[in-house]
Amino acid sequence: MGSPCPRASSTAGALSARGEPRLTTIGDWFRQILDAAGSAAELVRVPEHALPADLAISGSHPQHLHVSVALAERLIGWAPGDPAARVAESVRWHLANPSPNAWTPEESAADDAALAAAHDWLA
């Protein structure tokens, strides 16, 4: 989603973070993705011990994140766009370019087990 680096020769070997200067919760990010996809899916809180590996990002994190894009702005002129617009752009791309790899039966079973654990946890 980025643009070509106008000063690539002067920044060779430099490392910079690219992210959003305003952070939101993972839950809010998931809701943005669902909204952009036009999905009415319900987000369900699952106990951490039951989260499948592909959903581990949705668990609790013991440390808050702080991302600064100042170095990327200064070195290569990169700046983040509107977060909601970027999420929508990414969702459109993923919907137009689906993965050729279908979910495996094991991944589906792990998701089903997580939902069952959420049901038991909330009961």
Protein backbone atom coordinates (compact mmCIF):
# COMPACT_ATOMS: atom_id res chain seq x y z
CA MET A 1 0.00 0.00 0.00
CA GLY A 2 3.05 2.20 0.11
CA SER A 3 4.56 4.34 -2.56
CA PRO A 4 7.98 4.05 -4.17
CA CYS A 5 10.79 5.34 -2.04
CA PRO A 6 11.96 8.66 -3.56
CA ARG A 7 15.24 8.63 -1.62
CA ALA A 8 16.12 4.92 -1.77
CA SER A 9 19.82 5.43 -2.39
CA SER A 10 20.27 7.62 0.69
CA THR A 11 18.34 5.27 2.98
CA ALA A 12 19.87 1.92 2.03
CA GLY A 13 20.05 -0.30 5.10
CA ALA A 14 17.84 1.96 7.24
CA LEU A 15 15.10 0.34 9.27
CA SER A 16 11.92 2.18 10.14
CA ALA A 17 8.53 1.27 11.56
CA ARG A 18 5.44 1.80 9.51
CA GLY A 19 2.18 1.81 11.34
CA GLU A 20 -0.55 4.06 12.51
CA PRO A 21 0.25 6.83 15.00
CA ARG A 22 -3.20 6.36 16.58
CA LEU A 23 -3.71 2.84 17.85
CA THR A 24 -7.05 1.14 18.24
CA THR A 25 -8.00 -2.14 19.87
CA ILE A 26 -7.74 -5.41 17.98
CA GLY A 27 -11.51 -5.76 18.45
CA ASP A 28 -12.11 -2.38 16.79
CA TRP A 29 -9.78 -3.39 13.97
CA PHE A 30 -11.72 -6.65 13.49
CA ARG A 31 -14.98 -4.65 13.40
CA GLN A 32 -13.49 -2.32 10.75
CA ILE A 33 -12.58 -5.38 8.67
CA LEU A 34 -16.08 -6.87 9.00
CA ASP A 35 -17.70 -3.52 8.16
CA ALA A 36 -15.49 -3.03 5.11
CA ALA A 37 -16.38 -6.55 3.93
CA GLY A 38 -20.08 -5.88 4.46
CA SER A 39 -20.24 -8.78 6.89
CA ALA A 40 -22.80 -9.17 9.65
CA ALA A 41 -20.59 -11.72 11.45
CA GLU A 42 -20.63 -11.56 15.24
CA LEU A 43 -17.35 -11.26 17.12
CA VAL A 44 -17.21 -13.71 20.02
CA ARG A 45 -14.78 -13.44 22.95
CA VAL A 46 -12.97 -16.76 23.36
CA PRO A 47 -10.94 -17.75 26.44
CA GLU A 48 -7.24 -17.27 25.72
CA HIS A 49 -6.34 -20.91 26.29
CA ALA A 50 -8.77 -21.91 23.52
CA LEU A 51 -7.56 -19.47 20.85
CA PRO A 52 -6.34 -21.18 17.67
CA ALA A 53 -2.85 -20.11 16.58
CA ASP A 54 -4.20 -18.03 13.69
CA LEU A 55 -6.26 -15.95 16.15
CA ALA A 56 -3.60 -15.50 18.84
CA ILE A 57 -3.33 -11.81 17.87
CA SER A 58 -6.82 -11.34 19.31
CA GLY A 59 -5.75 -12.37 22.82
CA SER A 60 -4.67 -10.08 25.62
CA HIS A 61 -1.32 -8.42 25.32
CA PRO A 62 0.57 -7.61 28.51
CA GLN A 63 2.19 -4.52 27.02
CA HIS A 64 0.76 -1.56 25.13
CA LEU A 65 2.30 -0.77 21.79
CA HIS A 66 3.63 2.58 20.72
CA VAL A 67 4.57 3.03 17.09
CA SER A 68 6.37 6.06 15.75
CA VAL A 69 6.55 6.64 12.03
CA ALA A 70 8.76 9.72 12.44
CA LEU A 71 11.87 8.05 10.99
CA ALA A 72 9.99 6.83 7.90
CA GLU A 73 8.48 10.28 7.46
CA ARG A 74 11.86 11.95 7.78
CA LEU A 75 13.92 9.51 5.69
CA ILE A 76 11.58 8.61 2.85
CA GLY A 77 8.63 10.97 3.12
CA TRP A 78 6.21 8.15 4.01
CA ALA A 79 3.10 9.00 5.98
CA PRO A 80 0.22 6.83 7.11
CA GLY A 81 -3.18 7.26 5.54
CA ASP A 82 -6.58 7.28 7.20
CA PRO A 83 -6.72 3.98 9.14
CA ALA A 84 -10.34 3.16 8.23
CA ALA A 85 -9.69 3.90 4.56
CA ARG A 86 -6.54 1.73 4.60
CA VAL A 87 -8.42 -1.17 6.23
CA ALA A 88 -11.19 -0.88 3.62
CA GLU A 89 -8.60 -0.76 0.82
CA SER A 90 -6.89 -3.87 2.18
CA VAL A 91 -10.19 -5.74 2.59
CA ARG A 92 -11.18 -4.93 -1.00
CA TRP A 93 -7.83 -6.26 -2.22
CA HIS A 94 -8.13 -9.47 -0.19
CA LEU A 95 -11.71 -10.07 -1.38
CA ALA A 96 -10.58 -9.58 -4.99
CA ASN A 97 -7.49 -11.79 -4.48
CA PRO A 98 -8.50 -14.68 -2.21
CA SER A 99 -5.87 -17.07 -0.96
CA PRO A 100 -5.48 -20.17 -3.13
CA ASN A 101 -5.05 -22.17 0.09
CA ALA A 102 -8.35 -23.24 1.60
CA TRP A 103 -8.70 -23.69 5.35
CA THR A 104 -7.61 -27.11 6.39
CA PRO A 105 -9.91 -29.43 8.32
CA GLU A 106 -7.58 -28.95 11.30
CA GLU A 107 -7.95 -25.16 11.17
CA SER A 108 -11.72 -25.45 10.93
CA ALA A 109 -11.76 -27.88 13.87
CA ALA A 110 -9.62 -25.47 15.95
CA ASP A 111 -12.05 -22.62 15.23
CA ASP A 112 -15.03 -24.82 16.14
CA ALA A 113 -13.33 -25.86 19.40
CA ALA A 114 -12.65 -22.20 20.26
CA LEU A 115 -16.31 -21.30 19.71
CA ALA A 116 -17.39 -24.26 21.85
CA ALA A 117 -15.01 -23.10 24.59
CA ALA A 118 -16.50 -19.60 24.38
CA HIS A 119 -19.99 -21.05 24.75
CA ASP A 120 -18.92 -23.07 27.81
CA TRP A 121 -17.05 -20.07 29.25
CA LEU A 122 -20.05 -17.76 28.90
CA ALA A 123 -22.60 -20.31 30.14
